[in-house]
Amino acid sequence: MREAFTRVWENPYVRVLVYLLFFFLLYRFLLRAWPALSILLTAFAIAYLTHPLVRFFEGKRLPRLLGVVLVYLGLGLFLGLASFLTAQTVLELSRLAQELPGLLDPFLSWLLDLPNRVRTIPIPETLRPVLAEASRNFQGLLQGFLETLVRWLQGLLSQGGNLLGFFTSLLGGIFQLLTALTLSIYFLYDLPRLAQAALRVFPEPYQPLVAELAHKLDQSVGGYVRGQLLVAFLVGLLVG
């Protein structure tokens, strides 16, 4: 039986077919499990990015559990402030988009009445043809400007609706975010043990090399990502 299976496996077409079937099943599995996997990946990313803060508190001789609690208290305050600012920004933009046509009505009325105001000014007969031509050109430009302004206002109103829809979809993802944050607490607390468990997957002679590579990767890639997030946070804080 084993020899027959070996002979069949030596056929390259059989191996290609098996590999294609394996990748297809893996793709279908990832497609169905992606909502749960995305939550797990988000939780691990949060734990990985905030782990240096926990190590900082451990360096101050605080228990690891207390360091995790302090990190998530700060993260909760940051998310609460960001949610409040986002909600206020969306509401103000929507209100501005709704009230802007009414605010522009006096200006538009003045522009439409401007040619009539110009006609009431006494001017010499020699300049009347020139001013009449200029008035017609101005009316054409004004008409084009008003049409462009109306299209812009319509786009702004539709953008305000899209922002409200986007904010509503964000509210729908609150449960997933809370789930990811809850899982990230466990990941952050047990991250050293998870790293040791992942290291034991490799053969023992290669474990020191894998540990060294992981440490260098954490210093380079992890430090770069954390630095970019810190710069983005500081820029947003200064601009806001």
Protein backbone atom coordinates (compact mmCIF):
# COMPACT_ATOMS: atom_id res chain seq x y z
CA MET A 1 0.00 0.00 0.00
CA ARG A 2 2.77 2.39 0.92
CA GLU A 3 4.74 1.54 -2.22
CA ALA A 4 1.66 2.12 -4.37
CA PHE A 5 1.10 5.50 -2.73
CA THR A 6 4.78 6.38 -3.28
CA ARG A 7 4.55 5.51 -6.98
CA VAL A 8 1.40 7.61 -7.34
CA TRP A 9 3.00 10.53 -5.48
CA GLU A 10 6.00 10.46 -7.80
CA ASN A 11 3.70 11.52 -10.63
CA PRO A 12 4.16 15.34 -10.98
CA TYR A 13 0.58 15.84 -12.16
CA VAL A 14 -0.75 14.20 -9.00
CA ARG A 15 1.42 16.43 -6.81
CA VAL A 16 0.35 19.56 -8.67
CA LEU A 17 -3.29 18.55 -8.31
CA VAL A 18 -2.88 17.88 -4.58
CA TYR A 19 -1.09 21.20 -4.03
CA LEU A 20 -3.77 23.10 -5.93
CA LEU A 21 -6.48 21.39 -3.90
CA PHE A 22 -4.62 22.19 -0.68
CA PHE A 23 -4.24 25.89 -1.55
CA PHE A 24 -7.87 26.09 -2.62
CA LEU A 25 -9.06 24.59 0.68
CA LEU A 26 -6.70 26.91 2.58
CA TYR A 27 -8.08 29.90 0.69
CA ARG A 28 -11.66 28.87 1.44
CA PHE A 29 -10.81 28.39 5.10
CA LEU A 30 -9.12 31.79 5.39
CA LEU A 31 -12.02 33.42 3.57
CA ARG A 32 -14.54 32.02 6.02
CA ALA A 33 -12.38 32.48 9.11
CA TRP A 34 -11.11 35.96 8.21
CA PRO A 35 -13.47 37.89 10.56
CA ALA A 36 -12.17 35.91 13.55
CA LEU A 37 -8.58 35.96 12.29
CA SER A 38 -8.70 39.73 11.78
CA ILE A 39 -9.76 40.18 15.41
CA LEU A 40 -6.91 37.94 16.60
CA LEU A 41 -4.36 39.74 14.41
CA THR A 42 -5.58 43.13 15.63
CA ALA A 43 -5.36 42.00 19.24
CA PHE A 44 -1.82 40.68 18.74
CA ALA A 45 -0.76 43.89 16.96
CA ILE A 46 -2.06 46.03 19.84
CA ALA A 47 -0.27 43.83 22.38
CA TYR A 48 2.96 43.88 20.37
CA LEU A 49 2.97 47.66 19.89
CA THR A 50 2.23 48.42 23.55
CA HIS A 51 4.63 45.83 24.98
CA PRO A 52 7.55 48.33 25.35
CA LEU A 53 5.39 50.41 27.70
CA VAL A 54 4.83 47.38 29.91
CA ARG A 55 8.56 46.68 29.92
CA PHE A 56 9.14 50.31 30.89
CA PHE A 57 6.84 49.93 33.90
CA GLU A 58 8.53 46.64 34.78
CA GLY A 59 11.83 48.51 34.74
CA LYS A 60 10.32 50.83 37.36
CA ARG A 61 9.74 47.72 39.54
CA LEU A 62 6.00 47.64 38.99
CA PRO A 63 4.24 44.26 38.66
CA ARG A 64 3.51 43.25 35.08
CA LEU A 65 -0.23 43.13 35.77
CA LEU A 66 -0.19 46.71 37.05
CA GLY A 67 1.79 47.81 33.99
CA VAL A 68 -0.80 46.22 31.69
CA VAL A 69 -3.60 47.97 33.59
CA LEU A 70 -1.86 51.36 33.31
CA VAL A 71 -1.25 50.88 29.59
CA TYR A 72 -4.88 50.05 28.90
CA LEU A 73 -6.13 52.90 31.04
CA GLY A 74 -4.10 55.27 28.87
CA LEU A 75 -5.27 53.51 25.71
CA GLY A 76 -8.89 53.77 26.84
CA LEU A 77 -8.55 57.50 27.49
CA PHE A 78 -6.95 57.98 24.08
CA LEU A 79 -9.67 56.02 22.26
CA GLY A 80 -12.39 57.85 24.15
CA LEU A 81 -10.93 61.24 23.25
CA ALA A 82 -10.43 60.20 19.62
CA SER A 83 -14.03 58.92 19.38
CA PHE A 84 -15.39 62.14 20.86
CA LEU A 85 -13.35 64.32 18.49
CA THR A 86 -14.34 62.19 15.49
CA ALA A 87 -18.03 62.40 16.38
CA GLN A 88 -17.86 66.17 16.86
CA THR A 89 -15.99 66.63 13.57
CA VAL A 90 -18.53 64.58 11.64
CA LEU A 91 -21.47 66.43 13.19
CA GLU A 92 -19.94 69.85 12.49
CA LEU A 93 -19.15 68.94 8.88
CA SER A 94 -22.67 67.65 8.33
CA ARG A 95 -24.18 70.78 9.89
CA LEU A 96 -21.95 73.01 7.75
CA ALA A 97 -22.90 71.11 4.59
CA GLN A 98 -26.60 71.55 5.39
CA GLU A 99 -26.40 75.25 6.33
CA LEU A 100 -23.93 76.39 3.67
CA PRO A 101 -26.52 76.97 0.89
CA GLY A 102 -28.53 79.25 3.20
CA LEU A 103 -25.41 81.12 4.26
CA LEU A 104 -24.49 81.75 0.62
CA ASP A 105 -27.95 83.01 -0.42
CA PRO A 106 -27.23 86.73 0.28
CA PHE A 107 -23.96 86.57 -1.63
CA LEU A 108 -25.56 84.79 -4.59
CA SER A 109 -28.43 87.31 -4.67
CA TRP A 110 -25.94 90.18 -4.70
CA LEU A 111 -24.02 88.59 -7.56
CA LEU A 112 -27.19 88.02 -9.59
CA ASP A 113 -28.29 91.63 -9.08
CA LEU A 114 -24.87 93.09 -9.87
CA PRO A 115 -25.54 93.71 -13.62
CA ASN A 116 -28.72 95.67 -12.77
CA ARG A 117 -26.79 97.78 -10.29
CA VAL A 118 -24.17 98.56 -12.93
CA ARG A 119 -26.84 99.73 -15.41
CA THR A 120 -28.07 102.42 -12.99
CA ILE A 121 -24.68 104.18 -13.03
CA PRO A 122 -24.57 107.10 -15.56
CA ILE A 123 -21.91 106.42 -18.19
CA PRO A 124 -20.89 108.18 -21.45
CA GLU A 125 -22.49 107.05 -24.71
CA THR A 126 -19.14 106.02 -26.19
CA LEU A 127 -18.57 103.50 -23.43
CA ARG A 128 -22.02 101.89 -23.54
CA PRO A 129 -21.20 99.30 -26.29
CA VAL A 130 -18.01 98.29 -24.50
CA LEU A 131 -19.77 97.98 -21.16
CA ALA A 132 -22.67 96.08 -22.74
CA GLU A 133 -20.24 93.52 -24.18
CA ALA A 134 -18.43 93.32 -20.84
CA SER A 135 -21.77 92.87 -19.07
CA ARG A 136 -22.72 89.97 -21.34
CA ASN A 137 -19.33 88.35 -20.79
CA PHE A 138 -19.66 88.87 -17.05
CA GLN A 139 -23.12 87.31 -17.03
CA GLY A 140 -21.74 84.26 -18.86
CA LEU A 141 -18.90 83.94 -16.38
CA LEU A 142 -21.31 84.41 -13.48
CA GLN A 143 -23.64 81.74 -14.82
CA GLY A 144 -20.76 79.28 -15.15
CA PHE A 145 -19.55 80.15 -11.66
CA LEU A 146 -23.01 79.57 -10.17
CA GLU A 147 -23.37 76.22 -11.93
CA THR A 148 -19.95 75.14 -10.63
CA LEU A 149 -20.86 76.33 -7.13
CA VAL A 150 -24.14 74.39 -7.17
CA ARG A 151 -22.35 71.22 -8.25
CA TRP A 152 -19.77 71.73 -5.50
CA LEU A 153 -22.49 72.18 -2.88
CA GLN A 154 -24.24 69.04 -4.05
CA GLY A 155 -20.97 67.13 -3.77
CA LEU A 156 -20.40 68.56 -0.30
CA LEU A 157 -23.86 67.49 0.83
CA SER A 158 -23.34 64.00 -0.51
CA GLN A 159 -19.96 63.90 1.22
CA GLY A 160 -21.60 64.81 4.49
CA GLY A 161 -23.99 61.89 4.05
CA ASN A 162 -21.08 59.58 3.31
CA LEU A 163 -19.33 60.75 6.46
CA LEU A 164 -22.42 59.99 8.51
CA GLY A 165 -22.66 56.58 6.89
CA PHE A 166 -19.00 55.96 7.60
CA PHE A 167 -19.45 56.98 11.23
CA THR A 168 -22.45 54.66 11.51
CA SER A 169 -20.41 51.77 10.15
CA LEU A 170 -17.72 52.56 12.72
CA LEU A 171 -20.30 52.26 15.47
CA GLY A 172 -21.22 48.85 14.08
CA GLY A 173 -17.62 47.69 14.58
CA ILE A 174 -17.42 48.66 18.25
CA PHE A 175 -18.10 45.10 19.38
CA GLN A 176 -15.22 43.75 17.29
CA LEU A 177 -12.91 46.45 18.61
CA LEU A 178 -13.83 45.66 22.21
CA THR A 179 -13.27 41.97 21.54
CA ALA A 180 -9.84 42.69 20.07
CA LEU A 181 -8.93 44.91 23.03
CA THR A 182 -10.02 42.22 25.49
CA LEU A 183 -7.94 39.56 23.74
CA SER A 184 -4.97 41.93 23.50
CA ILE A 185 -4.96 42.23 27.31
CA TYR A 186 -4.32 38.48 27.61
CA PHE A 187 -1.78 38.58 24.78
CA LEU A 188 0.08 41.47 26.38
CA TYR A 189 0.19 39.86 29.80
CA ASP A 190 1.40 36.49 28.45
CA LEU A 191 3.54 37.80 25.58
CA PRO A 192 6.88 36.54 27.01
CA ARG A 193 5.43 33.05 27.50
CA LEU A 194 3.91 33.12 24.02
CA ALA A 195 7.32 34.05 22.61
CA GLN A 196 8.96 31.16 24.47
CA ALA A 197 6.28 28.75 23.22
CA ALA A 198 6.80 29.93 19.64
CA LEU A 199 10.57 29.52 20.05
CA ARG A 200 10.18 25.90 21.17
CA VAL A 201 8.55 25.09 17.83
CA PHE A 202 11.99 25.27 16.18
CA PRO A 203 14.64 22.57 16.71
CA GLU A 204 16.77 23.20 19.78
CA PRO A 205 20.07 23.78 17.90
CA TYR A 206 18.46 26.62 15.92
CA GLN A 207 16.67 28.29 18.82
CA PRO A 208 19.51 30.74 19.70
CA LEU A 209 19.71 31.85 16.05
CA VAL A 210 15.94 32.28 15.82
CA ALA A 211 15.88 34.24 19.10
CA GLU A 212 18.64 36.55 17.85
CA LEU A 213 16.90 37.15 14.53
CA ALA A 214 13.59 37.81 16.29
CA HIS A 215 15.29 40.31 18.61
CA LYS A 216 16.89 42.18 15.70
CA LEU A 217 13.62 42.14 13.77
CA ASP A 218 11.79 43.54 16.78
CA GLN A 219 14.35 46.32 17.17
CA SER A 220 14.31 47.32 13.49
CA VAL A 221 10.78 46.75 12.20
CA GLY A 222 8.97 47.08 15.52
CA GLY A 223 10.92 50.20 16.44
CA TYR A 224 10.19 51.76 13.05
CA VAL A 225 6.44 51.06 13.30
CA ARG A 226 6.24 52.37 16.86
CA GLY A 227 8.24 55.45 15.90
CA GLN A 228 5.94 56.24 12.98
CA LEU A 229 2.88 55.85 15.20
CA LEU A 230 4.44 58.14 17.80
CA VAL A 231 5.24 60.78 15.16
CA ALA A 232 1.69 60.56 13.77
CA PHE A 233 0.25 60.95 17.27
CA LEU A 234 2.42 63.99 18.05
CA VAL A 235 1.60 65.63 14.70
CA GLY A 236 -2.11 65.06 15.25
CA LEU A 237 -1.82 66.45 18.78
CA LEU A 238 -0.01 69.59 17.59
CA VAL A 239 -2.37 70.17 14.64
CA GLY A 240 -5.44 69.53 16.76
